[in-house]
Amino acid sequence: MNPLVADEFFRSDSPVDVQATVAWLLANGYGLSSQSGEGAFGARFVFRGPAEVRITVDRSQWLLDVAVEPGADAWQYDLLLAARSGRTYGEVFPARASRQADGRLPDQLPEGVSWRQTLPDVLAWVRGPGVGEAVERASRERFALMRPGR
């Protein structure tokens, strides 16, 4: 997929919030540096700027990961949001059914979160002190919620 095809793919196949997030990234010093896969069944788009933002679509479900700098290991977006909030993972993301009433999975994860509204603050925060430790705490909390008794 070349950048023009990627642009068309976002416009035709992604949720409005994903489109707005990509537009914000491109307007704020991020560029599409790589892409792999084709179509809504599986593709990844990597945007590089001061940090690295990875947008993945897997079976029509959209996910976001952020690395503190290009090429670094990326953190899942739900972990970043929980860590940044200073609250426990369970407070930020209370247990809820992962499927909608009609059995469909949410189009975009984390469910109910606007990437466009939250990503600018997360990108500013992610380069600060103590982020790795806060994300690791959120990861442990998420694991405990998903695997009670372990």
C-alpha atoms as a PDB file:
ATOM      1  CA  MET A   1       0.000   0.000   0.000  1.00  0.00           C
ATOM      2  CA  ASN A   2       1.431   3.372  -0.909  1.00  0.00           C
ATOM      3  CA  PRO A   3       0.548   6.508   1.104  1.00  0.00           C
ATOM      4  CA  LEU A   4      -2.244   7.487  -1.284  1.00  0.00           C
ATOM      5  CA  VAL A   5      -3.798   4.035  -1.026  1.00  0.00           C
ATOM      6  CA  ALA A   6      -3.342   4.124   2.770  1.00  0.00           C
ATOM      7  CA  ASP A   7      -5.151   7.484   2.863  1.00  0.00           C
ATOM      8  CA  GLU A   8      -8.053   6.053   0.872  1.00  0.00           C
ATOM      9  CA  PHE A   9      -8.092   2.960   3.093  1.00  0.00           C
ATOM     10  CA  PHE A  10      -8.396   5.101   6.244  1.00  0.00           C
ATOM     11  CA  ARG A  11     -11.161   7.194   4.662  1.00  0.00           C
ATOM     12  CA  SER A  12     -13.183   4.213   3.493  1.00  0.00           C
ATOM     13  CA  ASP A  13     -12.547   1.539   6.136  1.00  0.00           C
ATOM     14  CA  SER A  14     -11.691   3.147   9.473  1.00  0.00           C
ATOM     15  CA  PRO A  15     -13.931   4.655  12.152  1.00  0.00           C
ATOM     16  CA  VAL A  16     -14.273   8.445  12.104  1.00  0.00           C
ATOM     17  CA  ASP A  17     -12.160   8.760  15.263  1.00  0.00           C
ATOM     18  CA  VAL A  18      -9.307   6.799  13.644  1.00  0.00           C
ATOM     19  CA  GLN A  19      -9.501   9.099  10.617  1.00  0.00           C
ATOM     20  CA  ALA A  20      -9.354  12.159  12.887  1.00  0.00           C
ATOM     21  CA  THR A  21      -6.374  10.681  14.753  1.00  0.00           C
ATOM     22  CA  VAL A  22      -4.452  10.057  11.536  1.00  0.00           C
ATOM     23  CA  ALA A  23      -5.215  13.603  10.363  1.00  0.00           C
ATOM     24  CA  TRP A  24      -3.965  14.972  13.699  1.00  0.00           C
ATOM     25  CA  LEU A  25      -0.762  12.908  13.492  1.00  0.00           C
ATOM     26  CA  LEU A  26      -0.032  14.120   9.951  1.00  0.00           C
ATOM     27  CA  ALA A  27      -0.706  17.757  10.940  1.00  0.00           C
ATOM     28  CA  ASN A  28       1.570  17.506  13.997  1.00  0.00           C
ATOM     29  CA  GLY A  29       4.893  16.281  12.682  1.00  0.00           C
ATOM     30  CA  TYR A  30       4.189  12.577  12.247  1.00  0.00           C
ATOM     31  CA  GLY A  31       4.570  10.813   8.940  1.00  0.00           C
ATOM     32  CA  LEU A  32       3.597   7.372   7.736  1.00  0.00           C
ATOM     33  CA  SER A  33       6.916   5.516   7.856  1.00  0.00           C
ATOM     34  CA  SER A  34       5.785   1.980   7.120  1.00  0.00           C
ATOM     35  CA  GLN A  35       2.778  -0.138   6.482  1.00  0.00           C
ATOM     36  CA  SER A  36       2.198  -3.819   6.181  1.00  0.00           C
ATOM     37  CA  GLY A  37      -0.779  -5.967   5.365  1.00  0.00           C
ATOM     38  CA  GLU A  38      -3.650  -5.129   3.136  1.00  0.00           C
ATOM     39  CA  GLY A  39      -7.198  -4.412   4.107  1.00  0.00           C
ATOM     40  CA  ALA A  40      -9.359  -4.573   7.190  1.00  0.00           C
ATOM     41  CA  PHE A  41      -8.519  -8.220   7.898  1.00  0.00           C
ATOM     42  CA  GLY A  42      -4.998  -7.255   8.907  1.00  0.00           C
ATOM     43  CA  ALA A  43      -2.792  -4.226   8.410  1.00  0.00           C
ATOM     44  CA  ARG A  44      -0.404  -2.091  10.446  1.00  0.00           C
ATOM     45  CA  PHE A  45       0.506   1.544   9.901  1.00  0.00           C
ATOM     46  CA  VAL A  46       3.492   3.105  11.670  1.00  0.00           C
ATOM     47  CA  PHE A  47       3.633   6.876  12.117  1.00  0.00           C
ATOM     48  CA  ARG A  48       6.922   8.383  13.232  1.00  0.00           C
ATOM     49  CA  GLY A  49       7.591  11.721  14.812  1.00  0.00           C
ATOM     50  CA  PRO A  50       8.990  12.468  18.267  1.00  0.00           C
ATOM     51  CA  ALA A  51       7.344   9.162  19.309  1.00  0.00           C
ATOM     52  CA  GLU A  52       6.083   6.248  17.253  1.00  0.00           C
ATOM     53  CA  VAL A  53       2.370   5.530  16.869  1.00  0.00           C
ATOM     54  CA  ARG A  54       1.282   2.159  15.518  1.00  0.00           C
ATOM     55  CA  ILE A  55      -2.248   1.720  14.255  1.00  0.00           C
ATOM     56  CA  THR A  56      -3.329  -1.846  13.603  1.00  0.00           C
ATOM     57  CA  VAL A  57      -6.527  -3.180  12.123  1.00  0.00           C
ATOM     58  CA  ASP A  58      -7.205  -6.843  12.784  1.00  0.00           C
ATOM     59  CA  ARG A  59     -10.436  -8.345  11.471  1.00  0.00           C
ATOM     60  CA  SER A  60     -11.950  -4.860  11.285  1.00  0.00           C
ATOM     61  CA  GLN A  61     -11.019  -4.001  14.897  1.00  0.00           C
ATOM     62  CA  TRP A  62      -8.705  -0.995  15.321  1.00  0.00           C
ATOM     63  CA  LEU A  63      -5.919  -0.882  17.938  1.00  0.00           C
ATOM     64  CA  LEU A  64      -3.324   1.718  18.906  1.00  0.00           C
ATOM     65  CA  ASP A  65       0.149   1.288  20.411  1.00  0.00           C
ATOM     66  CA  VAL A  66       2.695   3.977  21.277  1.00  0.00           C
ATOM     67  CA  ALA A  67       6.480   3.760  21.569  1.00  0.00           C
ATOM     68  CA  VAL A  68       8.354   6.496  23.411  1.00  0.00           C
ATOM     69  CA  GLU A  69      10.612   6.933  20.372  1.00  0.00           C
ATOM     70  CA  PRO A  70      10.844   5.458  16.889  1.00  0.00           C
ATOM     71  CA  GLY A  71      11.964   1.837  16.977  1.00  0.00           C
ATOM     72  CA  ALA A  72      11.389   1.333  20.723  1.00  0.00           C
ATOM     73  CA  ASP A  73       9.051  -1.286  22.150  1.00  0.00           C
ATOM     74  CA  ALA A  74       5.477  -0.060  22.062  1.00  0.00           C
ATOM     75  CA  TRP A  75       2.923   0.002  24.863  1.00  0.00           C
ATOM     76  CA  GLN A  76      -0.724  -0.856  24.343  1.00  0.00           C
ATOM     77  CA  TYR A  77      -2.938   2.185  24.492  1.00  0.00           C
ATOM     78  CA  ASP A  78      -5.203   0.985  27.299  1.00  0.00           C
ATOM     79  CA  LEU A  79      -2.146   0.534  29.522  1.00  0.00           C
ATOM     80  CA  LEU A  80      -0.938   4.049  28.725  1.00  0.00           C
ATOM     81  CA  LEU A  81      -4.329   5.556  29.514  1.00  0.00           C
ATOM     82  CA  ALA A  82      -4.587   3.719  32.834  1.00  0.00           C
ATOM     83  CA  ALA A  83      -0.988   4.561  33.773  1.00  0.00           C
ATOM     84  CA  ARG A  84      -1.380   8.236  32.883  1.00  0.00           C
ATOM     85  CA  SER A  85      -4.588   8.569  34.890  1.00  0.00           C
ATOM     86  CA  GLY A  86      -2.908   7.647  38.173  1.00  0.00           C
ATOM     87  CA  ARG A  87      -5.851   5.374  38.955  1.00  0.00           C
ATOM     88  CA  THR A  88      -5.975   1.597  38.916  1.00  0.00           C
ATOM     89  CA  TYR A  89      -6.593  -0.188  35.645  1.00  0.00           C
ATOM     90  CA  GLY A  90      -9.951  -1.423  36.939  1.00  0.00           C
ATOM     91  CA  GLU A  91     -11.065   2.118  37.775  1.00  0.00           C
ATOM     92  CA  VAL A  92     -10.202   3.376  34.302  1.00  0.00           C
ATOM     93  CA  PHE A  93     -11.568   0.318  32.507  1.00  0.00           C
ATOM     94  CA  PRO A  94     -14.236  -1.301  34.672  1.00  0.00           C
ATOM     95  CA  ALA A  95     -15.103  -4.851  33.707  1.00  0.00           C
ATOM     96  CA  ARG A  96     -17.616  -4.888  30.912  1.00  0.00           C
ATOM     97  CA  ALA A  97     -18.664  -7.313  28.266  1.00  0.00           C
ATOM     98  CA  SER A  98     -16.212  -7.352  25.387  1.00  0.00           C
ATOM     99  CA  ARG A  99     -19.043  -7.861  22.911  1.00  0.00           C
ATOM    100  CA  GLN A 100     -21.888  -5.563  22.098  1.00  0.00           C
ATOM    101  CA  ALA A 101     -25.498  -6.717  22.568  1.00  0.00           C
ATOM    102  CA  ASP A 102     -25.602  -7.986  18.985  1.00  0.00           C
ATOM    103  CA  GLY A 103     -22.427 -10.047  19.535  1.00  0.00           C
ATOM    104  CA  ARG A 104     -20.134  -7.739  17.558  1.00  0.00           C
ATOM    105  CA  LEU A 105     -16.768  -6.701  18.874  1.00  0.00           C
ATOM    106  CA  PRO A 106     -16.178  -2.958  19.292  1.00  0.00           C
ATOM    107  CA  ASP A 107     -14.723  -1.322  16.172  1.00  0.00           C
ATOM    108  CA  GLN A 108     -12.013   0.498  18.104  1.00  0.00           C
ATOM    109  CA  LEU A 109     -10.106  -0.313  21.286  1.00  0.00           C
ATOM    110  CA  PRO A 110     -10.051   0.631  24.050  1.00  0.00           C
ATOM    111  CA  GLU A 111     -13.808   0.645  23.848  1.00  0.00           C
ATOM    112  CA  GLY A 112     -15.398   4.049  24.408  1.00  0.00           C
ATOM    113  CA  VAL A 113     -12.100   5.983  24.163  1.00  0.00           C
ATOM    114  CA  SER A 114     -11.520   8.681  21.562  1.00  0.00           C
ATOM    115  CA  TRP A 115      -7.964   8.369  20.310  1.00  0.00           C
ATOM    116  CA  ARG A 116      -8.148  11.844  18.797  1.00  0.00           C
ATOM    117  CA  GLN A 117      -9.116  13.406  22.115  1.00  0.00           C
ATOM    118  CA  THR A 118      -6.614  11.493  24.271  1.00  0.00           C
ATOM    119  CA  LEU A 119      -3.550  10.861  22.084  1.00  0.00           C
ATOM    120  CA  PRO A 120      -2.045  14.388  22.150  1.00  0.00           C
ATOM    121  CA  ASP A 121      -1.848  14.342  25.970  1.00  0.00           C
ATOM    122  CA  VAL A 122      -0.534  10.770  26.028  1.00  0.00           C
ATOM    123  CA  LEU A 123       2.209  11.650  23.529  1.00  0.00           C
ATOM    124  CA  ALA A 124       3.260  14.619  25.669  1.00  0.00           C
ATOM    125  CA  TRP A 125       3.229  12.500  28.847  1.00  0.00           C
ATOM    126  CA  VAL A 126       4.929   9.360  27.512  1.00  0.00           C
ATOM    127  CA  ARG A 127       8.407  10.914  27.419  1.00  0.00           C
ATOM    128  CA  GLY A 128       8.324  11.937  31.071  1.00  0.00           C
ATOM    129  CA  PRO A 129       9.829  10.292  34.146  1.00  0.00           C
ATOM    130  CA  GLY A 130       8.332   7.163  35.651  1.00  0.00           C
ATOM    131  CA  VAL A 131       6.257   6.207  32.622  1.00  0.00           C
ATOM    132  CA  GLY A 132       7.716   2.713  32.277  1.00  0.00           C
ATOM    133  CA  GLU A 133       7.002   1.902  35.899  1.00  0.00           C
ATOM    134  CA  ALA A 134       3.455   3.259  35.676  1.00  0.00           C
ATOM    135  CA  VAL A 135       2.756   1.209  32.544  1.00  0.00           C
ATOM    136  CA  GLU A 136       4.180  -1.915  34.184  1.00  0.00           C
ATOM    137  CA  ARG A 137       1.860  -1.361  37.178  1.00  0.00           C
ATOM    138  CA  ALA A 138      -1.130  -0.982  34.853  1.00  0.00           C
ATOM    139  CA  SER A 139      -0.089  -4.155  33.042  1.00  0.00           C
ATOM    140  CA  ARG A 140       0.030  -6.128  36.300  1.00  0.00           C
ATOM    141  CA  GLU A 141      -3.360  -4.745  37.308  1.00  0.00           C
ATOM    142  CA  ARG A 142      -4.890  -5.668  33.946  1.00  0.00           C
ATOM    143  CA  PHE A 143      -3.439  -9.161  34.170  1.00  0.00           C
ATOM    144  CA  ALA A 144      -4.898  -9.608  37.671  1.00  0.00           C
ATOM    145  CA  LEU A 145      -8.330  -8.504  36.435  1.00  0.00           C
ATOM    146  CA  MET A 146      -8.206 -10.859  33.468  1.00  0.00           C
ATOM    147  CA  ARG A 147      -6.906 -13.802  35.496  1.00  0.00           C
ATOM    148  CA  PRO A 148      -8.484 -13.561  38.949  1.00  0.00           C
ATOM    149  CA  GLY A 149      -6.814 -15.762  41.544  1.00  0.00           C
ATOM    150  CA  ARG A 150      -3.408 -15.779  39.877  1.00  0.00           C
END
